[in-house]
Amino acid sequence: MANKKIIIAIDGYSSTGKSTVARQLAKALGYIYVDTGAMYRAVTLFAMRKCFVDATHFNKEALERFLPFIHIHFEVNTKTGIAEVYLNNENVEKEIRKLEVSKLVSPVAAVSVVRRKLVEQQQLMGKDKGIVMDGRDIGTVVFPEAELKLFMTATAKDRAERRYNELIERGDKVTYEDVLKNVVNRDHIDSTRKDSPLRKADDAIMIDNSNLTLEEQFEQIMKITKDIISKME
């Protein structure tokens, strides 16, 4: 690959495989990968542990007061080569992926003060380019100037099936109905929130992977990436 480095912004609905393809791209290009969804999940986990949020209530004011005490960073797991998220120096990578966190992350991510804090951190991470970042508002808010923007989508049914299988393989006790309900609910909250709602950037390339294998998806996106980088030279 050429030495010209770019910013790759990947947005889209939950459970569309954004993180998977972002990791693949980062590894192939020698770029840094940042999973912004993990950052919001870490904040959500913090709020859950402090009893600021659960299925029946959400104390936004308390969470906002404690934001200065929330420190998030990524460290590469030397065995897997994957960057894992740390909350106040504790590896919470596995805990933040649980369905309990998934059910509460969208309301937490909708809080304007939380978004501002994390967006500032995300923009700093991309100042030298050579980064692949995925989330809900990367191409619209975090890096509107990104050289490559992708928007991932798939049917709710397909996404729920993938997420369900992933959770079951990991040993979590969940039902498909609960996972599907969570996917649909997150879509609604993410798309209708007032602050940085999920939407496709005007210049983003839509990738519908409902009927694509992981290999087909990666090949398609890698070709697009190479074309963009070659035009930058």
Protein backbone atom coordinates (compact mmCIF):
# COMPACT_ATOMS: atom_id res chain seq x y z
CA MET A 1 0.00 0.00 0.00
CA ALA A 2 1.06 3.60 -0.56
CA ASN A 3 2.36 5.72 2.32
CA LYS A 4 -0.50 8.20 2.02
CA LYS A 5 -2.62 7.85 5.14
CA ILE A 6 -6.31 8.65 5.34
CA ILE A 7 -9.14 8.64 7.87
CA ILE A 8 -11.72 5.88 7.37
CA ALA A 9 -15.05 6.57 9.07
CA ILE A 10 -17.48 3.66 9.40
CA ASP A 11 -21.01 4.35 10.60
CA GLY A 12 -24.16 2.28 10.63
CA TYR A 13 -26.77 0.42 12.62
CA SER A 14 -25.99 -1.83 15.58
CA SER A 15 -24.76 -5.36 14.84
CA THR A 16 -23.90 -4.66 11.21
CA GLY A 17 -20.34 -5.87 11.69
CA LYS A 18 -18.77 -2.40 11.72
CA SER A 19 -16.14 -3.37 14.27
CA THR A 20 -15.23 -6.59 12.44
CA VAL A 21 -14.55 -4.92 9.11
CA ALA A 22 -12.88 -1.94 10.80
CA ARG A 23 -10.42 -4.29 12.52
CA GLN A 24 -9.77 -6.09 9.24
CA LEU A 25 -9.08 -2.83 7.43
CA ALA A 26 -6.83 -1.48 10.16
CA LYS A 27 -4.77 -4.68 10.20
CA ALA A 28 -4.45 -4.79 6.41
CA LEU A 29 -3.45 -1.13 6.19
CA GLY A 30 -1.33 -0.94 9.32
CA TYR A 31 -3.72 1.69 10.70
CA ILE A 32 -4.97 2.32 14.25
CA TYR A 33 -8.46 0.98 14.97
CA VAL A 34 -10.80 2.75 17.39
CA ASP A 35 -14.12 1.21 18.44
CA THR A 36 -16.11 4.25 19.60
CA GLY A 37 -19.05 2.04 20.52
CA ALA A 38 -16.81 0.45 23.15
CA MET A 39 -16.19 3.90 24.61
CA TYR A 40 -19.91 4.54 25.05
CA ARG A 41 -20.36 1.04 26.44
CA ALA A 42 -17.60 1.74 28.99
CA VAL A 43 -19.38 4.91 30.13
CA THR A 44 -22.61 2.89 30.36
CA LEU A 45 -20.90 0.22 32.46
CA PHE A 46 -19.57 2.93 34.78
CA ALA A 47 -23.09 4.36 35.15
CA MET A 48 -24.52 0.88 35.84
CA ARG A 49 -21.95 0.19 38.54
CA LYS A 50 -22.77 3.51 40.20
CA CYS A 51 -26.50 2.72 39.96
CA PHE A 52 -27.06 5.80 37.80
CA VAL A 53 -28.90 3.79 35.16
CA ASP A 54 -30.95 0.61 34.95
CA ALA A 55 -34.05 -0.63 33.13
CA THR A 56 -36.36 1.72 35.01
CA HIS A 57 -34.42 4.94 35.67
CA PHE A 58 -31.54 7.09 34.44
CA ASN A 59 -29.92 9.78 36.59
CA LYS A 60 -28.29 11.85 33.84
CA GLU A 61 -27.23 14.63 36.21
CA ALA A 62 -25.27 12.22 38.40
CA LEU A 63 -23.51 10.73 35.38
CA GLU A 64 -22.59 14.18 34.09
CA ARG A 65 -21.08 15.10 37.49
CA PHE A 66 -18.92 11.96 37.43
CA LEU A 67 -17.66 12.31 33.85
CA PRO A 68 -14.31 13.81 35.01
CA PHE A 69 -13.69 10.53 36.86
CA ILE A 70 -14.20 8.36 33.76
CA HIS A 71 -10.97 7.58 31.92
CA ILE A 72 -11.06 5.36 28.83
CA HIS A 73 -8.16 4.07 26.78
CA PHE A 74 -7.33 1.18 24.46
CA GLU A 75 -4.52 -1.36 24.74
CA VAL A 76 -3.64 -3.99 22.16
CA ASN A 77 -3.98 -7.57 23.39
CA THR A 78 -0.63 -9.10 22.45
CA LYS A 79 -2.19 -12.54 22.00
CA THR A 80 -5.03 -11.50 19.68
CA GLY A 81 -3.64 -8.30 18.20
CA ILE A 82 -6.96 -6.61 18.96
CA ALA A 83 -7.27 -3.31 20.83
CA GLU A 84 -9.31 -3.76 24.02
CA VAL A 85 -11.02 -1.06 26.05
CA TYR A 86 -9.97 -0.10 29.56
CA LEU A 87 -12.18 1.78 32.03
CA ASN A 88 -10.13 3.52 34.72
CA ASN A 89 -7.26 1.10 34.00
CA GLU A 90 -9.50 -2.01 34.20
CA ASN A 91 -9.93 -4.23 31.15
CA VAL A 92 -13.71 -4.30 30.61
CA GLU A 93 -13.71 -5.62 27.03
CA LYS A 94 -15.78 -8.72 27.83
CA GLU A 95 -18.14 -7.08 30.33
CA ILE A 96 -19.19 -4.23 28.02
CA ARG A 97 -20.33 -6.70 25.34
CA LYS A 98 -23.05 -8.22 27.51
CA LEU A 99 -26.71 -7.73 26.58
CA GLU A 100 -27.33 -5.89 29.86
CA VAL A 101 -25.00 -3.13 28.68
CA SER A 102 -26.40 -3.22 25.13
CA LYS A 103 -29.87 -2.50 26.49
CA LEU A 104 -28.73 0.70 28.22
CA VAL A 105 -26.01 2.10 25.96
CA SER A 106 -28.24 4.06 23.56
CA PRO A 107 -29.84 6.30 26.24
CA VAL A 108 -26.39 6.98 27.74
CA ALA A 109 -24.91 7.72 24.30
CA ALA A 110 -27.73 10.20 23.66
CA VAL A 111 -26.56 12.50 26.48
CA SER A 112 -24.99 15.58 24.89
CA VAL A 113 -22.30 16.07 27.56
CA VAL A 114 -21.19 12.45 27.21
CA ARG A 115 -21.00 12.75 23.44
CA ARG A 116 -18.99 15.97 23.58
CA LYS A 117 -16.45 14.43 25.97
CA LEU A 118 -15.93 11.32 23.85
CA VAL A 119 -15.98 13.14 20.48
CA GLU A 120 -13.12 15.36 21.69
CA GLN A 121 -11.10 12.26 22.58
CA GLN A 122 -11.91 10.61 19.26
CA GLN A 123 -10.84 13.65 17.23
CA LEU A 124 -7.51 13.75 19.06
CA MET A 125 -6.95 10.09 18.17
CA GLY A 126 -7.26 10.91 14.47
CA LYS A 127 -5.08 14.00 14.28
CA ASP A 128 -2.27 12.11 12.50
CA LYS A 129 -4.66 10.15 10.24
CA GLY A 130 -3.96 6.49 9.52
CA ILE A 131 -7.00 5.56 11.56
CA VAL A 132 -10.14 3.44 11.13
CA MET A 133 -12.97 4.47 13.44
CA ASP A 134 -16.46 3.03 13.66
CA GLY A 135 -19.57 4.24 15.43
CA ARG A 136 -22.79 6.15 14.79
CA ASP A 137 -21.62 9.68 13.96
CA ILE A 138 -18.02 9.32 12.79
CA GLY A 139 -18.57 10.56 9.24
CA THR A 140 -21.11 13.22 10.22
CA VAL A 141 -19.71 14.68 13.46
CA VAL A 142 -16.31 13.29 14.50
CA PHE A 143 -14.57 13.32 11.09
CA PRO A 144 -16.81 15.05 8.53
CA GLU A 145 -13.64 15.58 6.45
CA ALA A 146 -12.74 11.86 6.38
CA GLU A 147 -11.43 10.74 2.99
CA LEU A 148 -13.48 7.54 3.10
CA LYS A 149 -16.89 7.19 4.73
CA LEU A 150 -18.85 3.95 4.84
CA PHE A 151 -22.38 3.39 6.11
CA MET A 152 -23.20 -0.18 7.10
CA THR A 153 -26.72 -1.56 7.06
CA ALA A 154 -28.58 -4.89 7.08
CA THR A 155 -32.06 -6.07 7.97
CA ALA A 156 -32.95 -6.11 11.68
CA LYS A 157 -33.59 -9.87 11.42
CA ASP A 158 -30.14 -10.57 9.97
CA ARG A 159 -28.45 -8.36 12.55
CA ALA A 160 -30.32 -9.96 15.45
CA GLU A 161 -29.40 -13.45 14.27
CA ARG A 162 -25.72 -12.54 14.08
CA ARG A 163 -25.73 -10.89 17.49
CA TYR A 164 -27.66 -13.78 19.05
CA ASN A 165 -25.21 -16.38 17.69
CA GLU A 166 -22.27 -14.30 18.88
CA LEU A 167 -23.67 -14.06 22.43
CA ILE A 168 -24.57 -17.76 22.58
CA GLU A 169 -21.10 -18.79 21.39
CA ARG A 170 -19.65 -16.66 24.17
CA GLY A 171 -21.76 -18.46 26.74
CA ASP A 172 -24.33 -15.74 27.48
CA LYS A 173 -27.87 -16.84 28.30
CA VAL A 174 -30.12 -14.83 25.98
CA THR A 175 -33.16 -15.38 23.77
CA TYR A 176 -33.39 -14.42 20.11
CA GLU A 177 -36.55 -12.41 20.86
CA ASP A 178 -34.71 -10.26 23.44
CA VAL A 179 -31.83 -9.66 21.04
CA LEU A 180 -34.17 -8.68 18.19
CA LYS A 181 -36.08 -6.33 20.50
CA ASN A 182 -32.80 -4.74 21.59
CA VAL A 183 -31.68 -4.23 17.98
CA VAL A 184 -34.97 -2.58 16.98
CA ASN A 185 -35.01 -0.41 20.11
CA ARG A 186 -31.43 0.76 19.60
CA ASP A 187 -32.19 1.62 15.97
CA HIS A 188 -35.06 3.83 17.11
CA ILE A 189 -33.10 5.62 19.85
CA ASP A 190 -29.97 6.07 17.72
CA SER A 191 -31.94 7.45 14.76
CA THR A 192 -34.25 9.80 16.67
CA ARG A 193 -32.02 11.30 19.36
CA LYS A 194 -31.59 15.08 19.18
CA ASP A 195 -27.80 15.11 19.50
CA SER A 196 -25.92 13.57 16.56
CA PRO A 197 -28.59 11.11 15.40
CA LEU A 198 -27.53 8.14 13.33
CA ARG A 199 -27.71 9.10 9.66
CA LYS A 200 -25.79 8.45 6.48
CA ALA A 201 -23.40 11.23 5.50
CA ASP A 202 -24.17 12.60 2.04
CA ASP A 203 -20.81 11.39 0.70
CA ALA A 204 -20.79 8.02 2.49
CA ILE A 205 -20.82 4.75 0.55
CA MET A 206 -23.69 2.46 1.58
CA ILE A 207 -22.77 -1.16 2.30
CA ASP A 208 -25.75 -3.50 2.74
CA ASN A 209 -24.27 -6.74 4.02
CA SER A 210 -27.53 -8.64 4.57
CA ASN A 211 -26.45 -11.22 1.98
CA LEU A 212 -22.67 -10.85 2.09
CA THR A 213 -20.16 -13.15 3.75
CA LEU A 214 -17.42 -11.55 5.84
CA GLU A 215 -14.93 -12.32 3.08
CA GLU A 216 -17.10 -10.77 0.34
CA GLN A 217 -17.70 -7.69 2.45
CA PHE A 218 -14.01 -7.20 3.21
CA GLU A 219 -12.98 -7.65 -0.43
CA GLN A 220 -15.56 -5.10 -1.54
CA ILE A 221 -14.54 -2.52 1.07
CA MET A 222 -10.81 -3.12 0.58
CA LYS A 223 -11.18 -2.41 -3.15
CA ILE A 224 -12.99 0.85 -2.37
CA THR A 225 -10.26 1.79 0.11
CA LYS A 226 -7.42 1.10 -2.31
CA ASP A 227 -9.17 3.19 -4.99
CA ILE A 228 -9.52 6.14 -2.60
CA ILE A 229 -5.90 5.96 -1.45
CA SER A 230 -4.59 5.70 -5.04
CA LYS A 231 -6.49 8.87 -5.95
CA MET A 232 -4.83 10.71 -3.04
CA GLU A 233 -1.34 10.24 -4.47
